[in-house]
Amino acid sequence: MQLLRTYGVKRPPFPFAPAGERSVARAYAKAFARARSLIYIEDQYLWSTEVADAIAGALKRNPELKVIAVVPRYPASDGPLAGPPSRIGQLRAIKLLRGVAPDRVGVFDLENSTGTPIYVHAKICIVDDTWITCGSDNFNRRSWTTDSELTCAVLDTTTDNREPSGIETAQAGRLARDLRLQLWAEHLGLDQNDPQLHDPAAGLELWNTTADALDHWHETGRRAPHPIGQVRHHTPEAVPLLQRLWAIPISRLVVDPDGRPRRLRGTTQF
């Protein structure tokens, strides 16, 4: 187990971190570089080029890797002023990921049985049923470089000897796998022991199928019985050109600032 932190660069500096600390970002970069089968994310934001670059690099290196992300359908603040700067960062991140591997990236949101969106406030990541994180950090540049954050990362070495996970490079860990199965069972409307959930490498197809069914149910007027699951494909509202003119600088400077030392800004290093 490892405790990861973020502290931004400030004046006067923190005596314990005079150049700030970005162990949250560095840990994700290392874990993604080793990912072989699946990166599963539940996060409030999922935006920033730096975050998307770290995941995109893993997708480029490993043609077998798949990414599943669960995010809120709407930003926490989605008004005429706060909404565009929030959405534009996510739109860019999703475009970057899908540009690298359109068939290996799925971004979803959730709703309850009446169709009301469920706001995702989680900050969870599971890599290959082996490495997991849970804490205060979000998948955005602010959390990786600016705000004070604390996250617990666990490398699960307790071997899970149940049905094979489909991961050849590492044995699935019991804690990591149990967490994934619990979350997937809830979101997909399945029993936690359903064999469809066992292989994370095949999970994206299952998520897409579930989301397709619920999207179709809405498109056809909800006349048929409600499909199983809570999952829908995530399609953020576009930001028009005129809004982009002011939303981009606000996103970069206010909503999602870069708290790294100046020598690192504009790079992929933390």
C-alpha atoms as a PDB file:
ATOM      1  CA  MET A   1       0.000   0.000   0.000  1.00  0.00           C
ATOM      2  CA  GLN A   2       1.229   3.486  -0.842  1.00  0.00           C
ATOM      3  CA  LEU A   3      -0.099   6.907   0.086  1.00  0.00           C
ATOM      4  CA  LEU A   4       0.093   9.349  -2.827  1.00  0.00           C
ATOM      5  CA  ARG A   5      -0.123  13.107  -2.558  1.00  0.00           C
ATOM      6  CA  THR A   6      -0.437  16.279  -4.572  1.00  0.00           C
ATOM      7  CA  TYR A   7       0.827  19.638  -3.377  1.00  0.00           C
ATOM      8  CA  GLY A   8       1.134  22.584  -5.736  1.00  0.00           C
ATOM      9  CA  VAL A   9       4.098  24.907  -5.949  1.00  0.00           C
ATOM     10  CA  LYS A  10       3.427  27.909  -3.722  1.00  0.00           C
ATOM     11  CA  ARG A  11       5.137  30.927  -2.190  1.00  0.00           C
ATOM     12  CA  PRO A  12       6.203  30.673   0.543  1.00  0.00           C
ATOM     13  CA  PRO A  13       6.846  26.984  -0.195  1.00  0.00           C
ATOM     14  CA  PHE A  14       5.693  24.065   1.909  1.00  0.00           C
ATOM     15  CA  PRO A  15       8.692  23.135   4.075  1.00  0.00           C
ATOM     16  CA  PHE A  16       8.047  19.427   3.425  1.00  0.00           C
ATOM     17  CA  ALA A  17       7.535  19.895  -0.337  1.00  0.00           C
ATOM     18  CA  PRO A  18       9.322  23.050  -1.513  1.00  0.00           C
ATOM     19  CA  ALA A  19       8.810  22.128  -5.191  1.00  0.00           C
ATOM     20  CA  GLY A  20       5.349  20.713  -4.560  1.00  0.00           C
ATOM     21  CA  GLU A  21       4.577  17.006  -4.787  1.00  0.00           C
ATOM     22  CA  ARG A  22       3.002  15.082  -7.649  1.00  0.00           C
ATOM     23  CA  SER A  23       3.271  11.454  -6.552  1.00  0.00           C
ATOM     24  CA  VAL A  24      -0.411  10.933  -7.511  1.00  0.00           C
ATOM     25  CA  ALA A  25       0.346  11.759 -11.154  1.00  0.00           C
ATOM     26  CA  ARG A  26       3.587   9.773 -11.227  1.00  0.00           C
ATOM     27  CA  ALA A  27       1.927   6.692  -9.759  1.00  0.00           C
ATOM     28  CA  TYR A  28      -0.790   6.742 -12.411  1.00  0.00           C
ATOM     29  CA  ALA A  29       1.812   7.164 -15.143  1.00  0.00           C
ATOM     30  CA  LYS A  30       3.735   4.113 -13.888  1.00  0.00           C
ATOM     31  CA  ALA A  31       0.597   1.993 -13.502  1.00  0.00           C
ATOM     32  CA  PHE A  32      -0.688   2.914 -16.962  1.00  0.00           C
ATOM     33  CA  ALA A  33       2.682   2.088 -18.493  1.00  0.00           C
ATOM     34  CA  ARG A  34       2.329  -1.447 -17.100  1.00  0.00           C
ATOM     35  CA  ALA A  35      -1.347  -1.921 -17.966  1.00  0.00           C
ATOM     36  CA  ARG A  36      -1.979  -4.918 -20.204  1.00  0.00           C
ATOM     37  CA  SER A  37      -5.694  -5.715 -20.158  1.00  0.00           C
ATOM     38  CA  LEU A  38      -7.908  -3.029 -18.614  1.00  0.00           C
ATOM     39  CA  ILE A  39      -7.878   0.438 -17.099  1.00  0.00           C
ATOM     40  CA  TYR A  40     -11.173   1.044 -15.301  1.00  0.00           C
ATOM     41  CA  ILE A  41     -11.949   4.548 -14.031  1.00  0.00           C
ATOM     42  CA  GLU A  42     -14.787   6.107 -12.069  1.00  0.00           C
ATOM     43  CA  ASP A  43     -14.220   9.825 -11.774  1.00  0.00           C
ATOM     44  CA  GLN A  44     -15.984  13.137 -11.351  1.00  0.00           C
ATOM     45  CA  TYR A  45     -14.175  14.834 -14.236  1.00  0.00           C
ATOM     46  CA  LEU A  46     -11.829  12.932 -16.606  1.00  0.00           C
ATOM     47  CA  TRP A  47     -10.412  15.910 -18.415  1.00  0.00           C
ATOM     48  CA  SER A  48      -7.018  17.534 -19.147  1.00  0.00           C
ATOM     49  CA  THR A  49      -4.650  16.767 -21.993  1.00  0.00           C
ATOM     50  CA  GLU A  50      -1.971  15.614 -19.546  1.00  0.00           C
ATOM     51  CA  VAL A  51      -4.284  12.976 -18.073  1.00  0.00           C
ATOM     52  CA  ALA A  52      -5.506  11.818 -21.462  1.00  0.00           C
ATOM     53  CA  ASP A  53      -1.921  11.654 -22.776  1.00  0.00           C
ATOM     54  CA  ALA A  54      -0.936   9.251 -19.995  1.00  0.00           C
ATOM     55  CA  ILE A  55      -3.800   6.901 -20.889  1.00  0.00           C
ATOM     56  CA  ALA A  56      -3.333   7.342 -24.647  1.00  0.00           C
ATOM     57  CA  GLY A  57       0.311   6.364 -24.329  1.00  0.00           C
ATOM     58  CA  ALA A  58      -0.703   3.089 -22.694  1.00  0.00           C
ATOM     59  CA  LEU A  59      -3.220   2.406 -25.461  1.00  0.00           C
ATOM     60  CA  LYS A  60      -0.558   3.026 -28.108  1.00  0.00           C
ATOM     61  CA  ARG A  61       1.966   0.725 -26.460  1.00  0.00           C
ATOM     62  CA  ASN A  62      -0.413  -2.175 -25.946  1.00  0.00           C
ATOM     63  CA  PRO A  63      -2.941  -3.025 -28.689  1.00  0.00           C
ATOM     64  CA  GLU A  64      -4.772  -5.377 -26.302  1.00  0.00           C
ATOM     65  CA  LEU A  65      -5.464  -2.729 -23.652  1.00  0.00           C
ATOM     66  CA  LYS A  66      -9.006  -1.411 -23.149  1.00  0.00           C
ATOM     67  CA  VAL A  67     -10.225   1.592 -21.163  1.00  0.00           C
ATOM     68  CA  ILE A  68     -13.627   1.953 -19.475  1.00  0.00           C
ATOM     69  CA  ALA A  69     -14.462   5.250 -17.770  1.00  0.00           C
ATOM     70  CA  VAL A  70     -17.595   6.168 -15.803  1.00  0.00           C
ATOM     71  CA  VAL A  71     -18.285   9.896 -15.357  1.00  0.00           C
ATOM     72  CA  PRO A  72     -21.252  12.166 -14.530  1.00  0.00           C
ATOM     73  CA  ARG A  73     -23.623  12.942 -17.384  1.00  0.00           C
ATOM     74  CA  TYR A  74     -23.397  16.657 -16.567  1.00  0.00           C
ATOM     75  CA  PRO A  75     -20.696  18.693 -14.779  1.00  0.00           C
ATOM     76  CA  ALA A  76     -21.397  19.727 -11.205  1.00  0.00           C
ATOM     77  CA  SER A  77     -21.735  23.322 -12.444  1.00  0.00           C
ATOM     78  CA  ASP A  78     -23.288  23.285 -15.909  1.00  0.00           C
ATOM     79  CA  GLY A  79     -24.648  26.802 -16.215  1.00  0.00           C
ATOM     80  CA  PRO A  80     -23.963  29.200 -19.109  1.00  0.00           C
ATOM     81  CA  LEU A  81     -20.661  30.358 -17.584  1.00  0.00           C
ATOM     82  CA  ALA A  82     -19.339  27.331 -15.681  1.00  0.00           C
ATOM     83  CA  GLY A  83     -20.526  24.627 -18.090  1.00  0.00           C
ATOM     84  CA  PRO A  84     -18.466  25.305 -21.251  1.00  0.00           C
ATOM     85  CA  PRO A  85     -15.041  25.498 -19.503  1.00  0.00           C
ATOM     86  CA  SER A  86     -15.837  22.219 -17.736  1.00  0.00           C
ATOM     87  CA  ARG A  87     -17.116  20.375 -20.799  1.00  0.00           C
ATOM     88  CA  ILE A  88     -14.418  21.499 -23.191  1.00  0.00           C
ATOM     89  CA  GLY A  89     -11.665  19.780 -21.229  1.00  0.00           C
ATOM     90  CA  GLN A  90     -13.578  16.518 -21.180  1.00  0.00           C
ATOM     91  CA  LEU A  91     -14.456  16.750 -24.862  1.00  0.00           C
ATOM     92  CA  ARG A  92     -10.782  17.167 -25.726  1.00  0.00           C
ATOM     93  CA  ALA A  93      -9.700  14.279 -23.494  1.00  0.00           C
ATOM     94  CA  ILE A  94     -12.294  11.886 -24.933  1.00  0.00           C
ATOM     95  CA  LYS A  95     -11.428  12.933 -28.494  1.00  0.00           C
ATOM     96  CA  LEU A  96      -7.747  12.267 -27.839  1.00  0.00           C
ATOM     97  CA  LEU A  97      -8.406   8.798 -26.405  1.00  0.00           C
ATOM     98  CA  ARG A  98     -10.806   7.776 -29.145  1.00  0.00           C
ATOM     99  CA  GLY A  99      -8.435   9.119 -31.764  1.00  0.00           C
ATOM    100  CA  VAL A 100      -5.804   6.671 -30.549  1.00  0.00           C
ATOM    101  CA  ALA A 101      -8.044   3.618 -30.073  1.00  0.00           C
ATOM    102  CA  PRO A 102     -11.690   4.221 -31.063  1.00  0.00           C
ATOM    103  CA  ASP A 103     -12.694   0.591 -30.546  1.00  0.00           C
ATOM    104  CA  ARG A 104     -10.888   0.167 -27.215  1.00  0.00           C
ATOM    105  CA  VAL A 105     -12.219   3.148 -25.266  1.00  0.00           C
ATOM    106  CA  GLY A 106     -15.661   3.386 -23.675  1.00  0.00           C
ATOM    107  CA  VAL A 107     -16.946   6.391 -21.713  1.00  0.00           C
ATOM    108  CA  PHE A 108     -20.245   5.958 -19.890  1.00  0.00           C
ATOM    109  CA  ASP A 109     -22.548   7.674 -17.437  1.00  0.00           C
ATOM    110  CA  LEU A 110     -25.196   6.262 -15.109  1.00  0.00           C
ATOM    111  CA  GLU A 111     -28.890   6.767 -14.370  1.00  0.00           C
ATOM    112  CA  ASN A 112     -31.372   5.303 -11.902  1.00  0.00           C
ATOM    113  CA  SER A 113     -34.440   3.225 -12.771  1.00  0.00           C
ATOM    114  CA  THR A 114     -36.536   6.344 -13.503  1.00  0.00           C
ATOM    115  CA  GLY A 115     -33.996   7.772 -15.937  1.00  0.00           C
ATOM    116  CA  THR A 116     -32.567  10.394 -13.584  1.00  0.00           C
ATOM    117  CA  PRO A 117     -28.791  10.808 -14.047  1.00  0.00           C
ATOM    118  CA  ILE A 118     -26.614   9.609 -11.168  1.00  0.00           C
ATOM    119  CA  TYR A 119     -23.856  12.058 -10.320  1.00  0.00           C
ATOM    120  CA  VAL A 120     -20.542  10.187 -10.211  1.00  0.00           C
ATOM    121  CA  HIS A 121     -18.359  11.642  -7.474  1.00  0.00           C
ATOM    122  CA  ALA A 122     -16.078   8.612  -7.146  1.00  0.00           C
ATOM    123  CA  LYS A 123     -12.314   8.699  -7.592  1.00  0.00           C
ATOM    124  CA  ILE A 124     -11.447   5.068  -8.269  1.00  0.00           C
ATOM    125  CA  CYS A 125      -9.063   3.381 -10.685  1.00  0.00           C
ATOM    126  CA  ILE A 126      -8.449  -0.347 -11.198  1.00  0.00           C
ATOM    127  CA  VAL A 127      -5.679  -1.604 -13.472  1.00  0.00           C
ATOM    128  CA  ASP A 128      -5.597  -5.255 -14.553  1.00  0.00           C
ATOM    129  CA  ASP A 129      -7.448  -6.403 -11.416  1.00  0.00           C
ATOM    130  CA  THR A 130      -4.154  -5.857  -9.595  1.00  0.00           C
ATOM    131  CA  TRP A 131      -3.587  -2.173  -8.779  1.00  0.00           C
ATOM    132  CA  ILE A 132      -6.307   0.063  -7.345  1.00  0.00           C
ATOM    133  CA  THR A 133      -6.577   3.620  -6.083  1.00  0.00           C
ATOM    134  CA  CYS A 134      -9.174   5.394  -4.000  1.00  0.00           C
ATOM    135  CA  GLY A 135      -8.851   8.873  -2.582  1.00  0.00           C
ATOM    136  CA  SER A 136      -9.560  12.543  -3.106  1.00  0.00           C
ATOM    137  CA  ASP A 137      -7.821  13.121  -6.445  1.00  0.00           C
ATOM    138  CA  ASN A 138      -9.706  13.460  -9.725  1.00  0.00           C
ATOM    139  CA  PHE A 139      -8.519  12.720 -13.235  1.00  0.00           C
ATOM    140  CA  ASN A 140      -7.676  16.313 -14.084  1.00  0.00           C
ATOM    141  CA  ARG A 141      -4.635  18.549 -14.093  1.00  0.00           C
ATOM    142  CA  ARG A 142      -5.824  20.474 -11.034  1.00  0.00           C
ATOM    143  CA  SER A 143      -5.842  17.320  -8.892  1.00  0.00           C
ATOM    144  CA  TRP A 144      -2.556  16.050 -10.332  1.00  0.00           C
ATOM    145  CA  THR A 145      -0.626  19.319  -9.913  1.00  0.00           C
ATOM    146  CA  THR A 146      -2.407  22.040  -7.922  1.00  0.00           C
ATOM    147  CA  ASP A 147      -4.881  21.054  -5.200  1.00  0.00           C
ATOM    148  CA  SER A 148      -3.815  19.248  -2.047  1.00  0.00           C
ATOM    149  CA  GLU A 149      -4.876  15.616  -2.511  1.00  0.00           C
ATOM    150  CA  LEU A 150      -4.403  12.291  -0.764  1.00  0.00           C
ATOM    151  CA  THR A 151      -4.938   8.907  -2.410  1.00  0.00           C
ATOM    152  CA  CYS A 152      -4.345   5.332  -1.313  1.00  0.00           C
ATOM    153  CA  ALA A 153      -2.911   2.938  -3.901  1.00  0.00           C
ATOM    154  CA  VAL A 154      -2.875  -0.817  -3.332  1.00  0.00           C
ATOM    155  CA  LEU A 155      -0.869  -3.357  -5.294  1.00  0.00           C
ATOM    156  CA  ASP A 156      -2.862  -6.488  -4.569  1.00  0.00           C
ATOM    157  CA  THR A 157      -0.586  -9.523  -4.245  1.00  0.00           C
ATOM    158  CA  THR A 158      -3.252 -11.792  -2.726  1.00  0.00           C
ATOM    159  CA  THR A 159      -3.874 -14.209  -5.575  1.00  0.00           C
ATOM    160  CA  ASP A 160      -7.482 -14.787  -6.585  1.00  0.00           C
ATOM    161  CA  ASN A 161      -7.824 -18.444  -7.582  1.00  0.00           C
ATOM    162  CA  ARG A 162     -11.365 -18.267  -8.894  1.00  0.00           C
ATOM    163  CA  GLU A 163     -12.132 -18.552 -12.605  1.00  0.00           C
ATOM    164  CA  PRO A 164      -9.342 -17.191 -14.828  1.00  0.00           C
ATOM    165  CA  SER A 165      -9.468 -13.449 -15.286  1.00  0.00           C
ATOM    166  CA  GLY A 166      -8.111 -13.429 -18.814  1.00  0.00           C
ATOM    167  CA  ILE A 167      -5.029 -11.516 -17.666  1.00  0.00           C
ATOM    168  CA  GLU A 168      -1.880 -13.341 -18.695  1.00  0.00           C
ATOM    169  CA  THR A 169       0.727 -10.924 -17.338  1.00  0.00           C
ATOM    170  CA  ALA A 170      -0.323 -10.998 -13.696  1.00  0.00           C
ATOM    171  CA  GLN A 171      -2.490 -12.942 -11.322  1.00  0.00           C
ATOM    172  CA  ALA A 172      -5.682 -11.132 -10.431  1.00  0.00           C
ATOM    173  CA  GLY A 173      -5.745  -9.929  -6.846  1.00  0.00           C
ATOM    174  CA  ARG A 174      -8.713 -10.728  -4.644  1.00  0.00           C
ATOM    175  CA  LEU A 175      -9.231  -7.187  -3.333  1.00  0.00           C
ATOM    176  CA  ALA A 176      -8.892  -5.516  -6.733  1.00  0.00           C
ATOM    177  CA  ARG A 177     -11.048  -8.073  -8.506  1.00  0.00           C
ATOM    178  CA  ASP A 178     -13.768  -8.049  -5.836  1.00  0.00           C
ATOM    179  CA  LEU A 179     -14.018  -4.265  -6.091  1.00  0.00           C
ATOM    180  CA  ARG A 180     -14.357  -4.388  -9.871  1.00  0.00           C
ATOM    181  CA  LEU A 181     -16.943  -7.179  -9.744  1.00  0.00           C
ATOM    182  CA  GLN A 182     -18.977  -5.303  -7.128  1.00  0.00           C
ATOM    183  CA  LEU A 183     -19.026  -2.090  -9.169  1.00  0.00           C
ATOM    184  CA  TRP A 184     -19.708  -3.786 -12.504  1.00  0.00           C
ATOM    185  CA  ALA A 185     -22.502  -5.914 -11.055  1.00  0.00           C
ATOM    186  CA  GLU A 186     -24.236  -2.803  -9.710  1.00  0.00           C
ATOM    187  CA  HIS A 187     -23.855  -0.740 -12.879  1.00  0.00           C
ATOM    188  CA  LEU A 188     -24.636  -3.529 -15.360  1.00  0.00           C
ATOM    189  CA  GLY A 189     -27.525  -5.055 -13.399  1.00  0.00           C
ATOM    190  CA  LEU A 190     -25.909  -8.462 -13.036  1.00  0.00           C
ATOM    191  CA  ASP A 191     -25.138 -10.803 -10.173  1.00  0.00           C
ATOM    192  CA  GLN A 192     -21.616 -10.399  -8.857  1.00  0.00           C
ATOM    193  CA  ASN A 193     -20.919 -14.071  -9.654  1.00  0.00           C
ATOM    194  CA  ASP A 194     -22.150 -13.805 -13.246  1.00  0.00           C
ATOM    195  CA  PRO A 195     -19.404 -15.275 -15.475  1.00  0.00           C
ATOM    196  CA  GLN A 196     -19.842 -12.392 -17.921  1.00  0.00           C
ATOM    197  CA  LEU A 197     -18.057 -10.189 -15.397  1.00  0.00           C
ATOM    198  CA  HIS A 198     -15.047 -12.416 -14.864  1.00  0.00           C
ATOM    199  CA  ASP A 199     -12.890 -11.412 -17.818  1.00  0.00           C
ATOM    200  CA  PRO A 200     -12.007  -7.709 -17.709  1.00  0.00           C
ATOM    201  CA  ALA A 201     -10.616  -7.878 -21.238  1.00  0.00           C
ATOM    202  CA  ALA A 202     -14.105  -8.690 -22.540  1.00  0.00           C
ATOM    203  CA  GLY A 203     -15.763  -6.094 -20.338  1.00  0.00           C
ATOM    204  CA  LEU A 204     -15.940  -3.261 -22.868  1.00  0.00           C
ATOM    205  CA  GLU A 205     -18.186  -5.284 -25.164  1.00  0.00           C
ATOM    206  CA  LEU A 206     -20.515  -6.006 -22.242  1.00  0.00           C
ATOM    207  CA  TRP A 207     -20.631  -2.330 -21.249  1.00  0.00           C
ATOM    208  CA  ASN A 208     -21.346  -1.270 -24.836  1.00  0.00           C
ATOM    209  CA  THR A 209     -24.134  -3.806 -25.199  1.00  0.00           C
ATOM    210  CA  THR A 210     -25.764  -2.711 -21.949  1.00  0.00           C
ATOM    211  CA  ALA A 211     -25.518   0.977 -22.869  1.00  0.00           C
ATOM    212  CA  ASP A 212     -26.863   0.306 -26.390  1.00  0.00           C
ATOM    213  CA  ALA A 213     -29.966  -1.340 -24.921  1.00  0.00           C
ATOM    214  CA  LEU A 214     -30.699   1.495 -22.484  1.00  0.00           C
ATOM    215  CA  ASP A 215     -30.059   4.182 -25.109  1.00  0.00           C
ATOM    216  CA  HIS A 216     -32.446   2.393 -27.484  1.00  0.00           C
ATOM    217  CA  TRP A 217     -35.082   2.169 -24.728  1.00  0.00           C
ATOM    218  CA  HIS A 218     -35.003   5.946 -24.358  1.00  0.00           C
ATOM    219  CA  GLU A 219     -34.981   6.554 -28.118  1.00  0.00           C
ATOM    220  CA  THR A 220     -38.111   4.414 -28.586  1.00  0.00           C
ATOM    221  CA  GLY A 221     -40.137   6.231 -25.931  1.00  0.00           C
ATOM    222  CA  ARG A 222     -39.574   3.846 -22.996  1.00  0.00           C
ATOM    223  CA  ARG A 223     -42.486   1.656 -24.113  1.00  0.00           C
ATOM    224  CA  ALA A 224     -40.740  -1.684 -23.643  1.00  0.00           C
ATOM    225  CA  PRO A 225     -39.698  -3.111 -20.250  1.00  0.00           C
ATOM    226  CA  HIS A 226     -36.696  -1.362 -18.765  1.00  0.00           C
ATOM    227  CA  PRO A 227     -33.433  -3.068 -19.833  1.00  0.00           C
ATOM    228  CA  ILE A 228     -31.079  -4.284 -17.141  1.00  0.00           C
ATOM    229  CA  GLY A 229     -28.371  -1.970 -15.924  1.00  0.00           C
ATOM    230  CA  GLN A 230     -27.790   1.743 -15.322  1.00  0.00           C
ATOM    231  CA  VAL A 231     -25.276   2.411 -18.096  1.00  0.00           C
ATOM    232  CA  ARG A 232     -25.571   4.856 -20.992  1.00  0.00           C
ATOM    233  CA  HIS A 233     -23.024   6.059 -23.537  1.00  0.00           C
ATOM    234  CA  HIS A 234     -21.600   9.393 -22.426  1.00  0.00           C
ATOM    235  CA  THR A 235     -21.993  12.159 -25.015  1.00  0.00           C
ATOM    236  CA  PRO A 236     -21.037  15.567 -23.586  1.00  0.00           C
ATOM    237  CA  GLU A 237     -22.798  18.572 -25.049  1.00  0.00           C
ATOM    238  CA  ALA A 238     -20.613  20.302 -27.629  1.00  0.00           C
ATOM    239  CA  VAL A 239     -19.137  23.736 -26.943  1.00  0.00           C
ATOM    240  CA  PRO A 240     -19.870  26.136 -29.860  1.00  0.00           C
ATOM    241  CA  LEU A 241     -17.045  28.098 -31.464  1.00  0.00           C
ATOM    242  CA  LEU A 242     -17.924  31.440 -29.886  1.00  0.00           C
ATOM    243  CA  GLN A 243     -18.071  29.901 -26.423  1.00  0.00           C
ATOM    244  CA  ARG A 244     -14.740  28.180 -27.005  1.00  0.00           C
ATOM    245  CA  LEU A 245     -13.043  31.562 -27.433  1.00  0.00           C
ATOM    246  CA  TRP A 246     -13.528  32.350 -23.748  1.00  0.00           C
ATOM    247  CA  ALA A 247     -14.058  28.847 -22.344  1.00  0.00           C
ATOM    248  CA  ILE A 248     -10.591  27.566 -23.309  1.00  0.00           C
ATOM    249  CA  PRO A 249      -8.570  30.187 -21.378  1.00  0.00           C
ATOM    250  CA  ILE A 250     -10.912  29.942 -18.376  1.00  0.00           C
ATOM    251  CA  SER A 251     -10.548  26.166 -18.409  1.00  0.00           C
ATOM    252  CA  ARG A 252      -6.757  26.362 -18.600  1.00  0.00           C
ATOM    253  CA  LEU A 253      -6.214  29.143 -16.050  1.00  0.00           C
ATOM    254  CA  VAL A 254      -9.105  28.824 -13.584  1.00  0.00           C
ATOM    255  CA  VAL A 255     -10.969  25.517 -13.820  1.00  0.00           C
ATOM    256  CA  ASP A 256      -7.963  23.279 -14.473  1.00  0.00           C
ATOM    257  CA  PRO A 257      -4.731  25.163 -13.694  1.00  0.00           C
ATOM    258  CA  ASP A 258      -1.241  23.724 -13.967  1.00  0.00           C
ATOM    259  CA  GLY A 259       0.479  23.717 -10.572  1.00  0.00           C
ATOM    260  CA  ARG A 260       3.757  22.199 -11.719  1.00  0.00           C
ATOM    261  CA  PRO A 261       7.082  24.058 -11.613  1.00  0.00           C
ATOM    262  CA  ARG A 262       7.501  26.214 -14.714  1.00  0.00           C
ATOM    263  CA  ARG A 263      10.121  23.931 -16.263  1.00  0.00           C
ATOM    264  CA  LEU A 264       7.569  21.084 -16.408  1.00  0.00           C
ATOM    265  CA  ARG A 265       4.624  23.016 -17.771  1.00  0.00           C
ATOM    266  CA  GLY A 266       3.744  22.138 -21.325  1.00  0.00           C
ATOM    267  CA  THR A 267       5.384  18.715 -20.961  1.00  0.00           C
ATOM    268  CA  THR A 268       4.061  15.270 -20.040  1.00  0.00           C
ATOM    269  CA  GLN A 269       6.334  15.052 -17.007  1.00  0.00           C
ATOM    270  CA  PHE A 270       5.311  15.414 -13.375  1.00  0.00           C
END
